[in-house]
C-alpha atoms as a PDB file:
ATOM      1  CA  UNK A   1      80.944  74.622 107.077  1.00  0.00           C
ATOM      2  CA  UNK A   2      81.900  77.007 104.299  1.00  0.00           C
ATOM      3  CA  UNK A   3      85.555  77.611 103.461  1.00  0.00           C
ATOM      4  CA  UNK A   4      85.360  81.260 104.490  1.00  0.00           C
ATOM      5  CA  UNK A   5      83.978  80.312 107.907  1.00  0.00           C
ATOM      6  CA  UNK A   6      86.744  77.728 108.346  1.00  0.00           C
ATOM      7  CA  UNK A   7      89.301  80.347 107.333  1.00  0.00           C
ATOM      8  CA  UNK A   8      88.026  82.752 109.978  1.00  0.00           C
ATOM      9  CA  UNK A   9      88.039  79.948 112.553  1.00  0.00           C
ATOM     10  CA  UNK A  10      91.669  79.212 111.608  1.00  0.00           C
ATOM     11  CA  UNK A  11      92.818  82.811 112.032  1.00  0.00           C
ATOM     12  CA  UNK A  12      90.955  83.160 115.349  1.00  0.00           C
ATOM     13  CA  UNK A  13      92.655  80.003 116.653  1.00  0.00           C
ATOM     14  CA  UNK A  14      95.932  81.516 115.454  1.00  0.00           C
ATOM     15  CA  UNK A  15      95.345  84.666 117.500  1.00  0.00           C
ATOM     16  CA  UNK A  16      94.722  82.521 120.592  1.00  0.00           C
ATOM     17  CA  UNK A  17      97.927  80.553 120.029  1.00  0.00           C
ATOM     18  CA  UNK A  18     100.013  83.670 119.406  1.00  0.00           C
ATOM     19  CA  UNK A  19      98.540  85.407 122.447  1.00  0.00           C
ATOM     20  CA  UNK A  20      99.563  82.422 124.571  1.00  0.00           C
ATOM     21  CA  UNK A  21     103.088  82.810 123.155  1.00  0.00           C
ATOM     22  CA  UNK A  22     103.303  86.177 124.914  1.00  0.00           C
ATOM     23  CA  UNK A  23     102.255  84.559 128.200  1.00  0.00           C
ATOM     24  CA  UNK A  24     104.745  81.702 127.832  1.00  0.00           C
ATOM     25  CA  UNK A  25     107.468  84.165 126.840  1.00  0.00           C
ATOM     26  CA  UNK A  26     106.859  86.206 129.982  1.00  0.00           C
ATOM     27  CA  UNK A  27     107.389  83.045 132.038  1.00  0.00           C
ATOM     28  CA  UNK A  28     110.506  81.800 130.250  1.00  0.00           C
ATOM     29  CA  UNK A  29     112.301  85.127 129.743  1.00  0.00           C
ATOM     30  CA  UNK A  30     113.540  84.867 133.333  1.00  0.00           C
ATOM     31  CA  UNK A  31     115.954  82.223 132.028  1.00  0.00           C
ATOM     32  CA  UNK A  32     116.209  82.767 128.263  1.00  0.00           C
ATOM     33  CA  UNK A  33     116.890  85.907 126.263  1.00  0.00           C
ATOM     34  CA  UNK A  34     114.210  86.926 123.744  1.00  0.00           C
ATOM     35  CA  UNK A  35     116.259  86.382 120.595  1.00  0.00           C
ATOM     36  CA  UNK A  36     117.511  82.974 121.768  1.00  0.00           C
ATOM     37  CA  UNK A  37     113.880  82.103 122.534  1.00  0.00           C
ATOM     38  CA  UNK A  38     112.843  83.008 118.977  1.00  0.00           C
ATOM     39  CA  UNK A  39     115.801  81.091 117.535  1.00  0.00           C
ATOM     40  CA  UNK A  40     114.925  77.969 119.537  1.00  0.00           C
ATOM     41  CA  UNK A  41     111.225  78.009 118.664  1.00  0.00           C
ATOM     42  CA  UNK A  42     111.877  78.183 114.920  1.00  0.00           C
ATOM     43  CA  UNK A  43     114.780  75.706 115.000  1.00  0.00           C
ATOM     44  CA  UNK A  44     112.723  73.113 116.893  1.00  0.00           C
ATOM     45  CA  UNK A  45     109.757  73.752 114.597  1.00  0.00           C
ATOM     46  CA  UNK A  46     111.754  73.064 111.420  1.00  0.00           C
ATOM     47  CA  UNK A  47     111.839  69.200 111.602  1.00  0.00           C
ATOM     48  CA  UNK A  48     108.082  69.060 112.153  1.00  0.00           C
ATOM     49  CA  UNK A  49     107.484  71.456 109.284  1.00  0.00           C
ATOM     50  CA  UNK A  50     109.816  69.342 107.105  1.00  0.00           C
ATOM     51  CA  UNK A  51     107.786  66.188 107.824  1.00  0.00           C
ATOM     52  CA  UNK A  52     104.553  67.976 106.948  1.00  0.00           C
ATOM     53  CA  UNK A  53     106.127  69.408 103.808  1.00  0.00           C
ATOM     54  CA  UNK A  54     107.342  65.988 102.649  1.00  0.00           C
ATOM     55  CA  UNK A  55     103.859  64.561 103.180  1.00  0.00           C
ATOM     56  CA  UNK A  56     102.588  67.158 100.707  1.00  0.00           C
ATOM     57  CA  UNK A  57     105.386  66.579  98.179  1.00  0.00           C
ATOM     58  CA  UNK A  58     102.937  65.090  95.662  1.00  0.00           C
ATOM     59  CA  UNK A  59     101.008  68.335  95.690  1.00  0.00           C
ATOM     60  CA  UNK A  60     104.029  70.622  95.954  1.00  0.00           C
ATOM     61  CA  UNK A  61     107.039  70.084  93.678  1.00  0.00           C
ATOM     62  CA  UNK A  62     110.543  71.487  94.036  1.00  0.00           C
ATOM     63  CA  UNK A  63     110.005  73.233  90.736  1.00  0.00           C
ATOM     64  CA  UNK A  64     107.216  75.252  92.358  1.00  0.00           C
ATOM     65  CA  UNK A  65     109.587  76.257  95.136  1.00  0.00           C
ATOM     66  CA  UNK A  66     112.373  77.228  92.722  1.00  0.00           C
ATOM     67  CA  UNK A  67     109.972  79.284  90.656  1.00  0.00           C
ATOM     68  CA  UNK A  68     108.807  81.152  93.748  1.00  0.00           C
ATOM     69  CA  UNK A  69     112.059  81.433  95.715  1.00  0.00           C
ATOM     70  CA  UNK A  70     112.021  85.239  95.629  1.00  0.00           C
ATOM     71  CA  UNK A  71     108.666  85.586  97.366  1.00  0.00           C
ATOM     72  CA  UNK A  72     109.661  82.859  99.878  1.00  0.00           C
ATOM     73  CA  UNK A  73     112.816  84.841 100.604  1.00  0.00           C
ATOM     74  CA  UNK A  74     110.696  87.916 101.332  1.00  0.00           C
ATOM     75  CA  UNK A  75     108.388  85.893 103.593  1.00  0.00           C
ATOM     76  CA  UNK A  76     111.300  84.366 105.515  1.00  0.00           C
ATOM     77  CA  UNK A  77     113.296  87.555 105.989  1.00  0.00           C
ATOM     78  CA  UNK A  78     110.330  89.800 106.782  1.00  0.00           C
ATOM     79  CA  UNK A  79     108.517  87.467 109.213  1.00  0.00           C
ATOM     80  CA  UNK A  80     110.558  84.977 111.262  1.00  0.00           C
ATOM     81  CA  UNK A  81     113.675  87.158 111.073  1.00  0.00           C
ATOM     82  CA  UNK A  82     113.283  90.931 110.779  1.00  0.00           C
ATOM     83  CA  UNK A  83     109.901  91.509 112.405  1.00  0.00           C
ATOM     84  CA  UNK A  84     110.690  89.210 115.356  1.00  0.00           C
ATOM     85  CA  UNK A  85     114.219  90.483 115.967  1.00  0.00           C
ATOM     86  CA  UNK A  86     113.271  94.158 115.645  1.00  0.00           C
ATOM     87  CA  UNK A  87     110.313  93.637 117.956  1.00  0.00           C
ATOM     88  CA  UNK A  88     112.481  92.275 120.766  1.00  0.00           C
ATOM     89  CA  UNK A  89     115.339  94.713 120.222  1.00  0.00           C
ATOM     90  CA  UNK A  90     112.853  97.568 120.405  1.00  0.00           C
ATOM     91  CA  UNK A  91     111.306  96.044 123.517  1.00  0.00           C
ATOM     92  CA  UNK A  92     114.706  96.228 125.235  1.00  0.00           C
ATOM     93  CA  UNK A  93     114.754 100.015 124.697  1.00  0.00           C
ATOM     94  CA  UNK A  94     111.128 100.997 125.220  1.00  0.00           C
ATOM     95  CA  UNK A  95     108.318 100.024 127.598  1.00  0.00           C
ATOM     96  CA  UNK A  96     106.104  96.958 127.215  1.00  0.00           C
ATOM     97  CA  UNK A  97     103.004  99.159 127.019  1.00  0.00           C
ATOM     98  CA  UNK A  98     104.544 101.198 124.204  1.00  0.00           C
ATOM     99  CA  UNK A  99     105.410  97.985 122.351  1.00  0.00           C
ATOM    100  CA  UNK A 100     101.884  96.566 122.680  1.00  0.00           C
ATOM    101  CA  UNK A 101     100.372  99.797 121.419  1.00  0.00           C
ATOM    102  CA  UNK A 102     102.763 100.158 118.494  1.00  0.00           C
ATOM    103  CA  UNK A 103     102.367  96.523 117.374  1.00  0.00           C
ATOM    104  CA  UNK A 104      98.844  97.461 116.349  1.00  0.00           C
ATOM    105  CA  UNK A 105     100.307  99.501 113.512  1.00  0.00           C
ATOM    106  CA  UNK A 106     100.590  96.206 111.574  1.00  0.00           C
ATOM    107  CA  UNK A 107      97.022  96.252 110.147  1.00  0.00           C
ATOM    108  CA  UNK A 108      97.456  99.908 109.200  1.00  0.00           C
ATOM    109  CA  UNK A 109     100.540  99.086 107.145  1.00  0.00           C
ATOM    110  CA  UNK A 110      98.804  95.960 105.763  1.00  0.00           C
ATOM    111  CA  UNK A 111      95.815  97.928 104.474  1.00  0.00           C
ATOM    112  CA  UNK A 112      98.100 100.497 102.844  1.00  0.00           C
ATOM    113  CA  UNK A 113     100.415  97.918 101.225  1.00  0.00           C
ATOM    114  CA  UNK A 114      97.649  95.528 100.137  1.00  0.00           C
ATOM    115  CA  UNK A 115      95.885  98.220  98.113  1.00  0.00           C
ATOM    116  CA  UNK A 116      98.568  98.602  95.389  1.00  0.00           C
ATOM    117  CA  UNK A 117     100.204  95.148  95.694  1.00  0.00           C
ATOM    118  CA  UNK A 118      97.132  92.883  95.885  1.00  0.00           C
ATOM    119  CA  UNK A 119      94.574  95.310  94.429  1.00  0.00           C
ATOM    120  CA  UNK A 120      92.502  95.013  97.598  1.00  0.00           C
ATOM    121  CA  UNK A 121      89.940  97.805  97.913  1.00  0.00           C
ATOM    122  CA  UNK A 122      90.064 100.113 100.912  1.00  0.00           C
ATOM    123  CA  UNK A 123      86.348 100.177 101.724  1.00  0.00           C
ATOM    124  CA  UNK A 124      84.503 102.256 104.317  1.00  0.00           C
ATOM    125  CA  UNK A 125      83.691  99.106 106.299  1.00  0.00           C
ATOM    126  CA  UNK A 126      87.338  98.048 106.318  1.00  0.00           C
ATOM    127  CA  UNK A 127      88.486 101.496 107.446  1.00  0.00           C
ATOM    128  CA  UNK A 128      85.837 101.632 110.190  1.00  0.00           C
ATOM    129  CA  UNK A 129      86.784  98.161 111.415  1.00  0.00           C
ATOM    130  CA  UNK A 130      90.478  99.048 111.313  1.00  0.00           C
ATOM    131  CA  UNK A 131      89.986 102.252 113.309  1.00  0.00           C
ATOM    132  CA  UNK A 132      87.810 100.579 115.954  1.00  0.00           C
ATOM    133  CA  UNK A 133      90.114  97.565 116.314  1.00  0.00           C
ATOM    134  CA  UNK A 134      93.148  99.824 116.696  1.00  0.00           C
ATOM    135  CA  UNK A 135      91.405 102.089 119.221  1.00  0.00           C
ATOM    136  CA  UNK A 136      90.360  99.031 121.202  1.00  0.00           C
ATOM    137  CA  UNK A 137      93.915  97.714 121.313  1.00  0.00           C
ATOM    138  CA  UNK A 138      95.145 101.145 122.442  1.00  0.00           C
ATOM    139  CA  UNK A 139      92.611 101.213 125.286  1.00  0.00           C
ATOM    140  CA  UNK A 140      93.766  97.779 126.437  1.00  0.00           C
ATOM    141  CA  UNK A 141      97.385  98.842 126.909  1.00  0.00           C
ATOM    142  CA  UNK A 142      97.151 102.549 127.770  1.00  0.00           C
ATOM    143  CA  UNK A 143      95.915 101.766 131.280  1.00  0.00           C
ATOM    144  CA  UNK A 144      99.336 100.326 132.179  1.00  0.00           C
ATOM    145  CA  UNK A 145     101.400 102.967 130.388  1.00  0.00           C
ATOM    146  CA  UNK A 146     103.831 104.728 132.748  1.00  0.00           C
ATOM    147  CA  UNK A 147     103.738 108.490 133.037  1.00  0.00           C
ATOM    148  CA  UNK A 148     106.993 110.010 131.797  1.00  0.00           C
ATOM    149  CA  UNK A 149     107.433 113.719 132.410  1.00  0.00           C
ATOM    150  CA  UNK A 150     110.635 114.053 130.380  1.00  0.00           C
ATOM    151  CA  UNK A 151     111.641 112.978 126.898  1.00  0.00           C
ATOM    152  CA  UNK A 152     113.486 109.637 126.826  1.00  0.00           C
ATOM    153  CA  UNK A 153     115.677 109.417 123.731  1.00  0.00           C
ATOM    154  CA  UNK A 154     116.268 105.646 123.880  1.00  0.00           C
ATOM    155  CA  UNK A 155     112.593 104.979 124.522  1.00  0.00           C
ATOM    156  CA  UNK A 156     111.838 107.012 121.392  1.00  0.00           C
ATOM    157  CA  UNK A 157     114.377 104.965 119.384  1.00  0.00           C
ATOM    158  CA  UNK A 158     112.839 101.769 120.734  1.00  0.00           C
ATOM    159  CA  UNK A 159     109.398 102.954 119.627  1.00  0.00           C
ATOM    160  CA  UNK A 160     110.716 103.584 116.104  1.00  0.00           C
ATOM    161  CA  UNK A 161     112.219 100.084 115.994  1.00  0.00           C
ATOM    162  CA  UNK A 162     108.909  98.553 117.113  1.00  0.00           C
ATOM    163  CA  UNK A 163     107.118 100.464 114.336  1.00  0.00           C
ATOM    164  CA  UNK A 164     109.672  99.089 111.858  1.00  0.00           C
ATOM    165  CA  UNK A 165     108.932  95.563 113.120  1.00  0.00           C
ATOM    166  CA  UNK A 166     105.197  96.048 112.445  1.00  0.00           C
ATOM    167  CA  UNK A 167     106.000  97.205 108.915  1.00  0.00           C
ATOM    168  CA  UNK A 168     107.962  94.020 108.240  1.00  0.00           C
ATOM    169  CA  UNK A 169     105.218  91.826 109.748  1.00  0.00           C
ATOM    170  CA  UNK A 170     102.695  93.521 107.461  1.00  0.00           C
ATOM    171  CA  UNK A 171     105.022  92.858 104.520  1.00  0.00           C
ATOM    172  CA  UNK A 172     105.233  89.242 105.678  1.00  0.00           C
ATOM    173  CA  UNK A 173     101.446  88.974 105.610  1.00  0.00           C
ATOM    174  CA  UNK A 174     101.194  90.432 102.111  1.00  0.00           C
ATOM    175  CA  UNK A 175     104.064  88.279 100.808  1.00  0.00           C
ATOM    176  CA  UNK A 176     102.489  85.215 102.430  1.00  0.00           C
ATOM    177  CA  UNK A 177      99.232  85.989 100.643  1.00  0.00           C
ATOM    178  CA  UNK A 178     101.119  86.012  97.330  1.00  0.00           C
ATOM    179  CA  UNK A 179     103.101  82.860  98.180  1.00  0.00           C
ATOM    180  CA  UNK A 180     100.100  80.659  99.032  1.00  0.00           C
ATOM    181  CA  UNK A 181      98.691  81.255  95.560  1.00  0.00           C
ATOM    182  CA  UNK A 182     101.422  79.000  94.172  1.00  0.00           C
ATOM    183  CA  UNK A 183     102.754  77.127  97.210  1.00  0.00           C
ATOM    184  CA  UNK A 184     100.703  75.422  99.908  1.00  0.00           C
ATOM    185  CA  UNK A 185     100.596  76.944 103.386  1.00  0.00           C
ATOM    186  CA  UNK A 186     102.713  74.203 104.992  1.00  0.00           C
ATOM    187  CA  UNK A 187     105.541  74.572 102.468  1.00  0.00           C
ATOM    188  CA  UNK A 188     105.394  78.344 102.765  1.00  0.00           C
ATOM    189  CA  UNK A 189     105.738  78.077 106.540  1.00  0.00           C
ATOM    190  CA  UNK A 190     108.647  75.598 106.289  1.00  0.00           C
ATOM    191  CA  UNK A 191     110.712  77.426 103.682  1.00  0.00           C
ATOM    192  CA  UNK A 192     110.192  80.836 105.284  1.00  0.00           C
ATOM    193  CA  UNK A 193     111.354  79.433 108.647  1.00  0.00           C
ATOM    194  CA  UNK A 194     114.289  77.662 106.973  1.00  0.00           C
ATOM    195  CA  UNK A 195     115.389  80.960 105.455  1.00  0.00           C
ATOM    196  CA  UNK A 196     114.928  82.937 108.661  1.00  0.00           C
ATOM    197  CA  UNK A 197     116.588  80.596 111.208  1.00  0.00           C
ATOM    198  CA  UNK A 198     120.258  81.189 110.236  1.00  0.00           C
ATOM    199  CA  UNK A 199     119.762  84.956 110.422  1.00  0.00           C
ATOM    200  CA  UNK A 200     118.023  84.637 113.818  1.00  0.00           C
ATOM    201  CA  UNK A 201     120.908  82.602 115.289  1.00  0.00           C
ATOM    202  CA  UNK A 202     123.457  85.106 113.990  1.00  0.00           C
ATOM    203  CA  UNK A 203     121.460  87.868 115.694  1.00  0.00           C
ATOM    204  CA  UNK A 204     121.251  85.803 118.897  1.00  0.00           C
ATOM    205  CA  UNK A 205     125.020  85.313 118.926  1.00  0.00           C
ATOM    206  CA  UNK A 206     125.587  89.036 118.457  1.00  0.00           C
ATOM    207  CA  UNK A 207     122.844  90.485 120.654  1.00  0.00           C
ATOM    208  CA  UNK A 208     121.930  87.810 123.208  1.00  0.00           C
ATOM    209  CA  UNK A 209     123.542  85.275 125.578  1.00  0.00           C
ATOM    210  CA  UNK A 210     123.526  81.873 123.870  1.00  0.00           C
ATOM    211  CA  UNK A 211     125.305  80.219 126.816  1.00  0.00           C
ATOM    212  CA  UNK A 212     121.925  79.965 128.584  1.00  0.00           C
ATOM    213  CA  UNK A 213     121.333  76.873 126.445  1.00  0.00           C
ATOM    214  CA  UNK A 214     123.588  75.019 128.887  1.00  0.00           C
ATOM    215  CA  UNK A 215     121.644  76.039 131.996  1.00  0.00           C
ATOM    216  CA  UNK A 216     117.978  76.056 130.909  1.00  0.00           C
ATOM    217  CA  UNK A 217     115.556  74.280 133.238  1.00  0.00           C
ATOM    218  CA  UNK A 218     113.175  71.491 132.213  1.00  0.00           C
ATOM    219  CA  UNK A 219     110.256  73.922 132.462  1.00  0.00           C
ATOM    220  CA  UNK A 220     111.946  76.329 130.070  1.00  0.00           C
ATOM    221  CA  UNK A 221     112.611  73.566 127.547  1.00  0.00           C
ATOM    222  CA  UNK A 222     109.005  72.316 127.777  1.00  0.00           C
ATOM    223  CA  UNK A 223     107.689  75.835 127.172  1.00  0.00           C
ATOM    224  CA  UNK A 224     109.988  76.301 124.191  1.00  0.00           C
ATOM    225  CA  UNK A 225     108.910  72.925 122.763  1.00  0.00           C
ATOM    226  CA  UNK A 226     105.213  73.796 123.138  1.00  0.00           C
ATOM    227  CA  UNK A 227     105.614  77.204 121.540  1.00  0.00           C
ATOM    228  CA  UNK A 228     107.686  75.713 118.713  1.00  0.00           C
ATOM    229  CA  UNK A 229     105.288  72.889 117.842  1.00  0.00           C
ATOM    230  CA  UNK A 230     101.852  74.280 118.663  1.00  0.00           C
ATOM    231  CA  UNK A 231     102.198  78.053 118.463  1.00  0.00           C
ATOM    232  CA  UNK A 232     104.693  78.140 115.599  1.00  0.00           C
ATOM    233  CA  UNK A 233     104.030  75.072 113.406  1.00  0.00           C
ATOM    234  CA  UNK A 234     100.278  74.871 113.820  1.00  0.00           C
ATOM    235  CA  UNK A 235      99.829  78.625 114.267  1.00  0.00           C
ATOM    236  CA  UNK A 236     101.641  79.685 111.115  1.00  0.00           C
ATOM    237  CA  UNK A 237     100.115  76.922 108.987  1.00  0.00           C
ATOM    238  CA  UNK A 238      96.655  78.132 110.024  1.00  0.00           C
ATOM    239  CA  UNK A 239      97.763  81.738 109.437  1.00  0.00           C
ATOM    240  CA  UNK A 240      98.862  81.176 105.845  1.00  0.00           C
ATOM    241  CA  UNK A 241      95.988  78.768 105.142  1.00  0.00           C
ATOM    242  CA  UNK A 242      93.454  81.417 106.171  1.00  0.00           C
ATOM    243  CA  UNK A 243      94.966  83.840 103.670  1.00  0.00           C
ATOM    244  CA  UNK A 244      93.762  81.672 100.800  1.00  0.00           C
ATOM    245  CA  UNK A 245      90.206  82.782 101.539  1.00  0.00           C
ATOM    246  CA  UNK A 246      90.504  86.072 103.472  1.00  0.00           C
ATOM    247  CA  UNK A 247      92.015  89.349 102.286  1.00  0.00           C
ATOM    248  CA  UNK A 248      95.461  89.910 103.794  1.00  0.00           C
ATOM    249  CA  UNK A 249      94.489  93.299 105.213  1.00  0.00           C
ATOM    250  CA  UNK A 250      91.440  91.766 106.950  1.00  0.00           C
ATOM    251  CA  UNK A 251      93.604  89.004 108.405  1.00  0.00           C
ATOM    252  CA  UNK A 252      95.835  91.666 109.939  1.00  0.00           C
ATOM    253  CA  UNK A 253      92.809  93.404 111.454  1.00  0.00           C
ATOM    254  CA  UNK A 254      91.644  90.132 113.050  1.00  0.00           C
ATOM    255  CA  UNK A 255      95.109  89.818 114.605  1.00  0.00           C
ATOM    256  CA  UNK A 256      94.097  92.664 116.947  1.00  0.00           C
ATOM    257  CA  UNK A 257      92.286  89.931 118.886  1.00  0.00           C
ATOM    258  CA  UNK A 258      95.709  88.852 120.180  1.00  0.00           C
ATOM    259  CA  UNK A 259      95.527  91.749 122.648  1.00  0.00           C
ATOM    260  CA  UNK A 260      92.098  90.569 123.847  1.00  0.00           C
ATOM    261  CA  UNK A 261      93.181  86.959 124.403  1.00  0.00           C
ATOM    262  CA  UNK A 262      96.418  88.199 125.971  1.00  0.00           C
ATOM    263  CA  UNK A 263      94.533  90.131 128.644  1.00  0.00           C
ATOM    264  CA  UNK A 264      92.236  87.161 129.409  1.00  0.00           C
ATOM    265  CA  UNK A 265      95.171  84.760 129.686  1.00  0.00           C
ATOM    266  CA  UNK A 266      97.127  87.155 131.892  1.00  0.00           C
ATOM    267  CA  UNK A 267      94.168  87.154 134.300  1.00  0.00           C
ATOM    268  CA  UNK A 268      93.720  83.383 134.546  1.00  0.00           C
ATOM    269  CA  UNK A 269      97.326  82.209 134.072  1.00  0.00           C
ATOM    270  CA  UNK A 270      99.480  85.023 135.448  1.00  0.00           C
ATOM    271  CA  UNK A 271      96.874  86.149 138.027  1.00  0.00           C
ATOM    272  CA  UNK A 272      97.063  89.741 136.784  1.00  0.00           C
ATOM    273  CA  UNK A 273      94.197  92.177 137.404  1.00  0.00           C
ATOM    274  CA  UNK A 274      92.085  93.757 134.659  1.00  0.00           C
ATOM    275  CA  UNK A 275      90.474  97.200 134.617  1.00  0.00           C
ATOM    276  CA  UNK A 276      87.236  98.479 133.119  1.00  0.00           C
ATOM    277  CA  UNK A 277      89.300 100.408 130.566  1.00  0.00           C
ATOM    278  CA  UNK A 278      90.913  97.179 129.352  1.00  0.00           C
ATOM    279  CA  UNK A 279      87.518  95.444 129.166  1.00  0.00           C
ATOM    280  CA  UNK A 280      86.205  98.369 127.107  1.00  0.00           C
ATOM    281  CA  UNK A 281      89.210  98.095 124.813  1.00  0.00           C
ATOM    282  CA  UNK A 282      88.597  94.385 124.294  1.00  0.00           C
ATOM    283  CA  UNK A 283      84.948  95.016 123.437  1.00  0.00           C
ATOM    284  CA  UNK A 284      85.815  97.763 120.951  1.00  0.00           C
ATOM    285  CA  UNK A 285      88.450  95.533 119.321  1.00  0.00           C
ATOM    286  CA  UNK A 286      85.958  92.694 118.858  1.00  0.00           C
ATOM    287  CA  UNK A 287      83.391  95.113 117.384  1.00  0.00           C
ATOM    288  CA  UNK A 288      86.000  96.425 114.943  1.00  0.00           C
ATOM    289  CA  UNK A 289      86.906  92.902 113.810  1.00  0.00           C
ATOM    290  CA  UNK A 290      83.226  91.992 113.340  1.00  0.00           C
ATOM    291  CA  UNK A 291      82.580  95.137 111.261  1.00  0.00           C
ATOM    292  CA  UNK A 292      85.549  94.339 109.017  1.00  0.00           C
ATOM    293  CA  UNK A 293      84.348  90.735 108.580  1.00  0.00           C
ATOM    294  CA  UNK A 294      80.803  91.820 107.742  1.00  0.00           C
ATOM    295  CA  UNK A 295      82.120  94.263 105.154  1.00  0.00           C
ATOM    296  CA  UNK A 296      83.903  91.460 103.293  1.00  0.00           C
ATOM    297  CA  UNK A 297      80.937  89.076 103.504  1.00  0.00           C
ATOM    298  CA  UNK A 298      78.580  91.715 102.070  1.00  0.00           C
ATOM    299  CA  UNK A 299      80.993  92.441  99.248  1.00  0.00           C
ATOM    300  CA  UNK A 300      81.390  88.714  98.428  1.00  0.00           C
ATOM    301  CA  UNK A 301      77.602  88.258  98.501  1.00  0.00           C
ATOM    302  CA  UNK A 302      77.180  91.114  96.026  1.00  0.00           C
ATOM    303  CA  UNK A 303      79.812  89.549  93.735  1.00  0.00           C
ATOM    304  CA  UNK A 304      78.011  86.181  93.810  1.00  0.00           C
ATOM    305  CA  UNK A 305      74.744  87.854  92.773  1.00  0.00           C
ATOM    306  CA  UNK A 306      76.332  89.433  89.697  1.00  0.00           C
END
């Protein structure tokens, strides 16, 4: 199997894992606050990431890390810390449907930022795929959006915070693309998490109830462990690894599939119902992702012929 195909397989698996994180979070948030949940998942993930990093020490030297500490700092602060914390703070102020819709601003920001930073071309195929994928994600969530007749100031503030979180996640994707050029994906994941964890715990102490650590059930701990090891360690390694072969902006577009998997999992795991509008949204999202993928493959084929 070609490297590009493996890269796409990796990012698709990542979207499945991250979609399941939303399902697990919905189950465990009855006991654990969102910021504490994020802090636990990254803290538990760190030892596993350290072991993997040490196994690659022959390939990755400390000198490489020192030479690239600035970009690792950007990756750690923008991804595990700022985007995650802002997302959950915004979610406290706005509705879940608003949050799901606004999270799809990430690929828009990624396309805009990648153009000047990574010199990635904004092609017609990429724009078409981006528009369709975003419209599809909107259709998935708009069916559950509540009807507000009056302006809600705090909901508006929450929406702005969610948008800010998508900006930082897009920055994380672009910075990760730069980082994996010099540092392997596993090391990038470890050092970015290592940088982000202290800031996440400080935020948890200030904004959440950390005393729940003393009363968490076995089920809650098992869910946190699964999300930390599988969804975080494996998920982020696959995420950064895929960026070695796929344009960062295209990776962000593929992430729209999270909404599709999320709906499917909510049906089978949470026993939630699905509407025709949501099915239509999922179909449109998949079509948008396929169009974006085909645009890159055609462009790479043309380059190989030159």
